């Protein structure tokens, strides 16, 4: 059975698959460029941390995107999870 609503990819997965891997950039290099601890990037990529407005701005500066791009990815992911939880409550 195919689920009716698929949960969108976590922003950390998008960061890794659509940005870091194609750019051959390591998590360590991104953290250094952003001026944040490596753990912040690692927990984001592993899906244990979400995108905050500050992280969205830092990512947009390094990756030449908009902060809204990252915030929209996070919002879409969070909404889908909330809808799924409410549907199963």
N, C-alpha and C. Protein backbone atom coordinates (compact mmCIF):
# COMPACT_ATOMS: atom_id res chain seq x y z
N UNK A 1 0.84 -1.19 0.00
CA UNK A 1 0.00 0.00 0.00
C UNK A 1 0.88 1.25 0.00
N UNK A 2 0.57 2.17 -0.85
CA UNK A 2 1.34 3.42 -0.96
C UNK A 2 0.76 4.43 0.02
N UNK A 3 1.62 5.03 0.86
CA UNK A 3 1.11 6.03 1.79
C UNK A 3 0.54 7.23 1.05
N UNK A 4 -0.52 7.80 1.60
CA UNK A 4 -1.15 8.95 0.95
C UNK A 4 -0.27 10.19 1.01
N UNK A 5 0.36 10.39 2.14
CA UNK A 5 1.22 11.58 2.29
C UNK A 5 2.59 11.14 2.74
N UNK A 6 3.54 11.34 1.87
CA UNK A 6 4.93 11.01 2.18
C UNK A 6 5.55 12.18 2.94
N UNK A 7 6.33 11.86 3.96
CA UNK A 7 7.03 12.91 4.71
C UNK A 7 8.17 13.45 3.83
N UNK A 8 8.21 14.76 3.61
CA UNK A 8 9.31 15.33 2.82
C UNK A 8 10.65 15.06 3.51
N UNK A 9 11.68 15.02 2.73
CA UNK A 9 13.03 14.80 3.27
C UNK A 9 13.36 15.88 4.30
N UNK A 10 14.09 15.45 5.32
CA UNK A 10 14.56 16.40 6.34
C UNK A 10 15.53 17.37 5.67
N UNK A 11 15.53 18.63 6.08
CA UNK A 11 16.46 19.60 5.47
C UNK A 11 17.92 19.16 5.54
N UNK A 12 18.28 18.43 6.58
CA UNK A 12 19.66 17.94 6.68
C UNK A 12 20.01 16.98 5.57
N UNK A 13 19.04 16.16 5.16
CA UNK A 13 19.26 15.24 4.05
C UNK A 13 19.44 16.01 2.74
N UNK A 14 18.64 17.05 2.57
CA UNK A 14 18.77 17.91 1.38
C UNK A 14 20.15 18.59 1.39
N UNK A 15 20.55 19.08 2.55
CA UNK A 15 21.86 19.72 2.68
C UNK A 15 22.97 18.78 2.23
N UNK A 16 22.92 17.55 2.70
CA UNK A 16 23.97 16.58 2.37
C UNK A 16 23.91 16.18 0.90
N UNK A 17 22.74 15.74 0.44
CA UNK A 17 22.61 15.15 -0.89
C UNK A 17 22.62 16.17 -2.04
N UNK A 18 22.07 17.35 -1.80
CA UNK A 18 21.94 18.33 -2.88
C UNK A 18 23.01 19.42 -2.87
N UNK A 19 23.71 19.55 -1.74
CA UNK A 19 24.70 20.61 -1.63
C UNK A 19 26.10 20.07 -1.31
N UNK A 20 26.25 19.47 -0.14
CA UNK A 20 27.60 19.06 0.27
C UNK A 20 28.21 18.02 -0.66
N UNK A 21 27.49 16.94 -0.92
CA UNK A 21 28.06 15.90 -1.79
C UNK A 21 28.42 16.42 -3.17
N UNK A 22 27.50 17.12 -3.88
CA UNK A 22 27.88 17.63 -5.21
C UNK A 22 29.03 18.64 -5.19
N UNK A 23 29.14 19.38 -4.08
CA UNK A 23 30.20 20.39 -3.98
C UNK A 23 31.49 19.79 -3.43
N UNK A 24 31.46 18.51 -3.07
CA UNK A 24 32.61 17.84 -2.43
C UNK A 24 33.06 18.62 -1.20
N UNK A 25 32.09 19.12 -0.44
CA UNK A 25 32.37 19.87 0.78
C UNK A 25 32.08 18.97 1.98
N UNK A 26 32.99 18.96 2.93
CA UNK A 26 32.79 18.14 4.12
C UNK A 26 31.95 18.91 5.15
N UNK A 27 31.40 18.15 6.09
CA UNK A 27 30.66 18.76 7.18
C UNK A 27 31.59 19.67 7.99
N UNK A 28 32.83 19.23 8.15
CA UNK A 28 33.82 20.02 8.88
C UNK A 28 34.07 21.36 8.20
N UNK A 29 34.20 21.34 6.88
CA UNK A 29 34.44 22.59 6.15
C UNK A 29 33.24 23.51 6.24
N UNK A 30 32.03 22.95 6.10
CA UNK A 30 30.83 23.78 6.21
C UNK A 30 30.75 24.42 7.59
N UNK A 31 30.99 23.63 8.63
CA UNK A 31 30.94 24.15 10.00
C UNK A 31 31.94 25.29 10.18
N UNK A 32 33.14 25.09 9.66
CA UNK A 32 34.19 26.12 9.76
C UNK A 32 33.75 27.39 9.03
N UNK A 33 33.23 27.23 7.80
CA UNK A 33 32.79 28.38 7.02
C UNK A 33 31.65 29.13 7.69
N UNK A 34 30.78 28.38 8.39
CA UNK A 34 29.63 28.98 9.07
C UNK A 34 30.00 29.53 10.44
N UNK A 35 31.14 29.09 10.97
CA UNK A 35 31.55 29.52 12.30
C UNK A 35 30.75 28.85 13.41
N UNK A 36 30.38 27.59 13.18
CA UNK A 36 29.61 26.82 14.17
C UNK A 36 30.33 25.51 14.48
N UNK A 37 30.00 24.88 15.60
CA UNK A 37 30.62 23.59 15.91
C UNK A 37 30.19 22.51 14.90
N UNK A 38 31.09 21.57 14.64
CA UNK A 38 30.80 20.47 13.72
C UNK A 38 29.56 19.69 14.17
N UNK A 39 29.36 19.59 15.48
CA UNK A 39 28.21 18.84 15.99
C UNK A 39 26.89 19.44 15.50
N UNK A 40 26.86 20.73 15.34
CA UNK A 40 25.65 21.39 14.85
C UNK A 40 25.31 20.91 13.44
N UNK A 41 26.31 20.80 12.61
CA UNK A 41 26.09 20.33 11.24
C UNK A 41 25.76 18.84 11.23
N UNK A 42 26.49 18.08 12.03
CA UNK A 42 26.28 16.64 12.07
C UNK A 42 24.88 16.28 12.56
N UNK A 43 24.41 16.95 13.62
CA UNK A 43 23.06 16.64 14.12
C UNK A 43 21.98 17.12 13.15
N UNK A 44 22.27 18.15 12.41
CA UNK A 44 21.34 18.61 11.37
C UNK A 44 21.24 17.57 10.26
N UNK A 45 22.37 17.11 9.78
CA UNK A 45 22.39 16.14 8.69
C UNK A 45 21.78 14.81 9.12
N UNK A 46 21.97 14.43 10.38
CA UNK A 46 21.41 13.17 10.86
C UNK A 46 19.93 13.28 11.19
N UNK A 47 19.36 14.46 11.08
CA UNK A 47 17.93 14.64 11.33
C UNK A 47 17.58 14.82 12.79
N UNK A 48 18.56 14.99 13.65
CA UNK A 48 18.31 15.15 15.08
C UNK A 48 18.10 16.61 15.46
N UNK A 49 18.39 17.50 14.54
CA UNK A 49 18.25 18.94 14.77
C UNK A 49 17.56 19.53 13.55
N UNK A 50 16.75 20.54 13.80
CA UNK A 50 16.08 21.22 12.71
C UNK A 50 16.81 22.50 12.33
N UNK A 51 16.32 23.11 11.29
CA UNK A 51 16.87 24.38 10.81
C UNK A 51 16.27 25.51 11.65
N UNK A 52 17.12 26.30 12.26
CA UNK A 52 16.67 27.49 12.97
C UNK A 52 16.83 28.69 12.02
N UNK A 53 16.18 29.79 12.33
CA UNK A 53 16.38 30.98 11.48
C UNK A 53 17.86 31.36 11.35
N UNK A 54 18.61 31.27 12.45
CA UNK A 54 20.04 31.60 12.39
C UNK A 54 20.78 30.65 11.46
N UNK A 55 20.50 29.35 11.58
CA UNK A 55 21.15 28.37 10.70
C UNK A 55 20.76 28.63 9.25
N UNK A 56 19.50 28.98 9.01
CA UNK A 56 19.04 29.25 7.64
C UNK A 56 19.83 30.41 7.03
N UNK A 57 20.06 31.43 7.82
CA UNK A 57 20.82 32.59 7.32
C UNK A 57 22.27 32.20 7.04
N UNK A 58 22.88 31.47 7.98
CA UNK A 58 24.27 31.05 7.78
C UNK A 58 24.41 30.15 6.56
N UNK A 59 23.51 29.19 6.40
CA UNK A 59 23.55 28.30 5.23
C UNK A 59 23.37 29.09 3.94
N UNK A 60 22.42 30.03 3.96
CA UNK A 60 22.16 30.80 2.74
C UNK A 60 23.38 31.62 2.32
N UNK A 61 24.11 32.14 3.30
CA UNK A 61 25.31 32.92 2.98
C UNK A 61 26.39 32.06 2.35
N UNK A 62 26.57 30.85 2.84
CA UNK A 62 27.62 29.97 2.34
C UNK A 62 27.23 29.31 1.02
N UNK A 63 25.96 28.87 0.95
CA UNK A 63 25.53 28.05 -0.20
C UNK A 63 24.81 28.84 -1.29
N UNK A 64 24.73 30.15 -1.13
CA UNK A 64 24.12 31.03 -2.15
C UNK A 64 22.66 30.65 -2.41
N UNK A 65 21.94 30.42 -1.32
CA UNK A 65 20.50 30.18 -1.39
C UNK A 65 19.84 31.30 -0.59
N UNK A 66 18.54 31.18 -0.37
CA UNK A 66 17.87 32.15 0.50
C UNK A 66 17.59 31.49 1.85
N UNK A 67 17.50 32.29 2.91
CA UNK A 67 17.12 31.71 4.20
C UNK A 67 15.73 31.08 4.13
N UNK A 68 14.86 31.66 3.31
CA UNK A 68 13.50 31.14 3.16
C UNK A 68 13.49 29.72 2.59
N UNK A 69 14.44 29.42 1.72
CA UNK A 69 14.55 28.07 1.17
C UNK A 69 14.67 27.05 2.29
N UNK A 70 15.59 27.31 3.22
CA UNK A 70 15.83 26.38 4.33
C UNK A 70 14.67 26.35 5.30
N UNK A 71 14.10 27.52 5.60
CA UNK A 71 12.96 27.56 6.52
C UNK A 71 11.74 26.86 5.94
N UNK A 72 11.54 27.00 4.64
CA UNK A 72 10.41 26.31 3.99
C UNK A 72 10.60 24.81 4.00
N UNK A 73 11.82 24.34 3.79
CA UNK A 73 12.08 22.90 3.88
C UNK A 73 11.75 22.39 5.28
N UNK A 74 12.17 23.14 6.30
CA UNK A 74 11.91 22.73 7.68
C UNK A 74 10.42 22.76 7.99
N UNK A 75 9.75 23.81 7.57
CA UNK A 75 8.32 23.93 7.84
C UNK A 75 7.54 22.80 7.16
N UNK A 76 7.87 22.50 5.93
CA UNK A 76 7.19 21.41 5.22
C UNK A 76 7.39 20.08 5.90
N UNK A 77 8.60 19.83 6.35
CA UNK A 77 8.91 18.59 7.06
C UNK A 77 8.14 18.52 8.38
N UNK A 78 8.18 19.59 9.15
CA UNK A 78 7.50 19.63 10.45
C UNK A 78 5.99 19.48 10.31
N UNK A 79 5.40 20.16 9.33
CA UNK A 79 3.96 20.05 9.11
C UNK A 79 3.54 18.64 8.74
N UNK A 80 4.30 18.00 7.88
CA UNK A 80 3.97 16.63 7.46
C UNK A 80 4.04 15.67 8.65
N UNK A 81 5.01 15.84 9.52
CA UNK A 81 5.12 14.99 10.70
C UNK A 81 3.95 15.24 11.64
N UNK A 82 3.60 16.50 11.85
CA UNK A 82 2.47 16.84 12.72
C UNK A 82 1.16 16.27 12.17
N UNK A 83 0.96 16.39 10.86
CA UNK A 83 -0.25 15.84 10.25
C UNK A 83 -0.32 14.33 10.42
N UNK A 84 0.83 13.66 10.24
CA UNK A 84 0.87 12.22 10.39
C UNK A 84 0.55 11.81 11.82
N UNK A 85 1.12 12.53 12.79
CA UNK A 85 0.86 12.22 14.20
C UNK A 85 -0.61 12.42 14.53
N UNK A 86 -1.21 13.48 14.03
CA UNK A 86 -2.62 13.76 14.33
C UNK A 86 -3.53 12.75 13.66
N UNK A 87 -3.14 12.26 12.50
CA UNK A 87 -3.96 11.27 11.80
C UNK A 87 -3.95 9.94 12.53
N UNK A 88 -2.89 9.66 13.28
CA UNK A 88 -2.78 8.40 13.99
C UNK A 88 -3.13 8.51 15.47
N UNK A 89 -3.62 9.69 15.87
CA UNK A 89 -3.97 9.89 17.29
C UNK A 89 -5.37 9.39 17.60
